[in-house]
Protein backbone atom coordinates (compact mmCIF):
# COMPACT_ATOMS: atom_id res chain seq x y z
CA MET A 1 0.00 0.00 0.00
CA LYS A 2 1.34 3.43 -0.94
CA LEU A 3 0.87 5.84 1.92
CA ILE A 4 0.42 9.58 1.74
CA TRP A 5 3.18 10.95 3.90
CA GLY A 6 1.76 11.73 7.29
CA GLN A 7 -1.43 9.74 6.65
CA SER A 8 -1.59 5.97 6.84
CA ASN A 9 -5.13 5.03 5.88
CA TRP A 10 -5.19 5.62 2.10
CA ASN A 11 -4.69 3.04 -0.64
CA ASP A 12 -3.50 3.71 -4.20
CA GLN A 13 -7.02 4.08 -5.65
CA GLU A 14 -8.06 6.51 -2.92
CA ILE A 15 -4.93 8.59 -3.62
CA ARG A 16 -5.79 8.74 -7.33
CA ASP A 17 -9.43 9.66 -6.54
CA ARG A 18 -8.39 12.31 -4.01
CA ASN A 19 -5.97 13.95 -6.44
CA HIS A 20 -8.03 13.63 -9.62
CA ALA A 21 -9.74 17.00 -9.23
CA ARG A 22 -6.43 18.72 -8.48
CA SER A 23 -4.51 17.08 -11.30
CA THR A 24 -7.12 17.68 -14.03
CA SER A 25 -6.57 21.41 -13.74
CA PHE A 26 -2.90 20.85 -14.59
CA THR A 27 -3.19 18.31 -17.40
CA SER A 28 -4.56 18.53 -20.89
CA GLN A 29 -8.14 17.40 -21.45
CA SER A 30 -7.17 15.94 -24.83
CA ASN A 31 -4.38 13.53 -25.70
CA ASP A 32 -3.73 15.73 -28.76
CA GLU A 33 -2.76 18.76 -26.65
CA PRO A 34 0.32 19.00 -24.44
CA ALA A 35 -0.16 19.58 -20.72
CA ASP A 36 0.74 23.11 -19.60
CA MET A 37 2.27 23.21 -16.13
CA ASN A 38 5.40 24.43 -14.41
CA LEU A 39 6.55 22.27 -11.48
CA PHE A 40 7.60 25.38 -9.54
CA GLU A 41 4.30 27.29 -9.89
CA ASN A 42 1.27 27.29 -7.58
CA LEU A 43 3.31 26.42 -4.50
CA PRO A 44 1.47 26.83 -1.21
CA THR A 45 3.62 28.12 1.66
CA HIS A 46 1.75 26.30 4.43
CA LEU A 47 0.01 22.95 4.18
CA PRO A 48 -1.68 20.84 6.88
CA SER A 49 -0.43 17.75 5.01
CA GLU A 50 1.67 17.15 1.94
CA LEU A 51 0.18 18.15 -1.39
CA ILE A 52 0.26 15.24 -3.83
CA GLU A 53 -0.71 15.92 -7.43
CA VAL A 54 -0.93 13.15 -10.01
CA LEU A 55 0.61 14.66 -13.16
CA ALA A 56 0.23 11.60 -15.39
CA GLU A 57 -0.59 7.94 -15.00
CA GLY A 58 -0.95 4.84 -17.05
CA GLU A 59 -1.63 1.17 -16.52
CA SER A 60 1.58 0.56 -14.55
CA VAL A 61 3.07 4.02 -13.93
CA ARG A 62 2.08 7.12 -11.94
CA ILE A 63 3.98 10.44 -11.90
CA GLU A 64 3.38 12.76 -8.96
CA ARG A 65 4.48 16.20 -7.86
CA ILE A 66 4.69 16.28 -4.08
CA VAL A 67 5.01 19.52 -2.13
CA SER A 68 6.12 19.33 1.51
CA THR A 69 6.45 22.19 3.97
CA GLY A 70 8.15 20.75 7.04
CA HIS A 71 6.28 17.45 6.83
CA SER A 72 7.43 14.06 8.03
CA THR A 73 5.94 10.59 8.23
CA ALA A 74 3.87 10.07 11.39
CA PRO A 75 5.80 8.42 14.24
CA GLY A 76 5.78 4.63 13.94
CA GLU A 77 4.51 4.71 10.34
CA TRP A 78 6.44 3.30 7.37
CA TYR A 79 5.78 3.32 3.64
CA ASP A 80 5.55 -0.18 2.21
CA GLN A 81 4.59 0.32 -1.42
CA GLU A 82 3.45 -2.16 -4.04
CA GLN A 83 5.38 -0.40 -6.81
CA ASP A 84 8.98 0.73 -7.19
CA GLU A 85 9.44 4.47 -6.68
CA TRP A 86 12.00 6.72 -8.32
CA VAL A 87 12.06 10.06 -6.54
CA VAL A 88 14.02 13.28 -7.08
CA VAL A 89 14.12 16.42 -4.94
CA LEU A 90 13.79 19.49 -7.16
CA LYS A 91 13.78 22.13 -4.42
CA GLY A 92 14.26 22.09 -0.65
CA GLU A 93 15.74 19.26 1.37
CA ALA A 94 14.56 15.99 2.90
CA ARG A 95 15.88 13.22 5.10
CA LEU A 96 14.70 9.66 4.42
CA ARG A 97 15.12 6.75 6.83
CA PHE A 98 14.91 3.09 5.86
CA SER A 99 13.90 0.17 8.07
CA ASP A 100 17.55 -0.99 8.17
CA ASP A 101 18.40 2.41 9.79
CA LYS A 102 20.07 3.73 6.63
CA VAL A 103 19.56 7.52 6.42
CA ILE A 104 19.76 9.52 3.21
CA ILE A 105 19.73 13.32 3.03
CA MET A 106 18.36 14.56 -0.28
CA GLN A 107 19.03 17.99 -1.75
CA PRO A 108 18.03 19.46 -5.12
CA GLY A 109 19.03 17.11 -7.91
CA ASP A 110 19.45 14.07 -5.66
CA HIS A 111 17.43 11.08 -6.84
CA LEU A 112 16.84 7.61 -5.52
CA LEU A 113 15.23 4.34 -6.60
CA ILE A 114 13.24 2.75 -3.78
CA PRO A 115 12.32 -0.86 -4.58
CA ALA A 116 8.79 -2.08 -3.92
CA HIS A 117 8.26 -3.10 -0.29
CA GLN A 118 11.44 -1.32 0.90
CA ARG A 119 10.10 0.13 4.14
CA HIS A 120 10.99 3.80 4.49
CA ARG A 121 9.82 7.05 6.04
CA VAL A 122 10.43 10.78 5.73
CA ASP A 123 12.18 12.10 8.84
CA LEU A 124 11.97 15.75 7.80
CA THR A 125 11.55 18.25 5.01
CA THR A 126 12.57 21.91 5.04
CA PRO A 127 9.99 24.02 6.90
CA LYS A 128 11.01 27.48 5.63
CA GLU A 129 10.63 26.72 1.92
CA PRO A 130 8.61 24.12 0.07
CA THR A 131 10.33 20.85 -0.72
CA ILE A 132 9.29 19.82 -4.22
CA TRP A 133 9.56 16.14 -5.12
CA LEU A 134 8.93 14.39 -8.40
CA ALA A 135 7.99 10.76 -7.81
CA ILE A 136 7.50 8.08 -10.43
CA PHE A 137 5.83 4.85 -9.31
CA PHE A 138 6.12 1.89 -11.67
CA GLU A 139 6.15 -1.88 -11.91
CA LYS A 140 9.19 -3.66 -13.25
CA VAL A 141 8.64 -5.32 -16.59
CA SER A 142 10.32 -8.63 -17.28
CA GLY A 143 13.29 -8.32 -19.59
CA THR A 144 14.08 -4.68 -18.88
CA PHE A 145 17.30 -3.23 -17.50
CA LEU A 146 15.48 -2.70 -14.20
CA GLU A 147 15.09 -6.40 -13.57
CA LYS A 148 17.57 -7.77 -11.04
């Protein structure tokens, strides 16, 4: 189950439903027209929880823009996702912790591949400026370079 950071009771379909209204304002209504959006625009400065916007999705891939303002995963909660996640920090800073106690500090340009079911959490994100993440969730396809 993919968890919204700071909330532990949502499944993947609920996340897509919750973000559908937000994401349709940023994506093209026709496959013939390109989407018009800048990842650094429309940034709120204070959020009660992370803002997750689905930018594009297909049968086995979902691309999200995540905006954090000092957010972290709730104490005792861990993400344990069905899909692999490739994530990059575009702005701000974050500290991720894995269930094996490995800690990674991410700054703009840092990216990471988190395999499916690799338990992890967000320890912190910068509170004075938005942290902007781009996350791509996908399933490995047999025969690709991603297969181990």
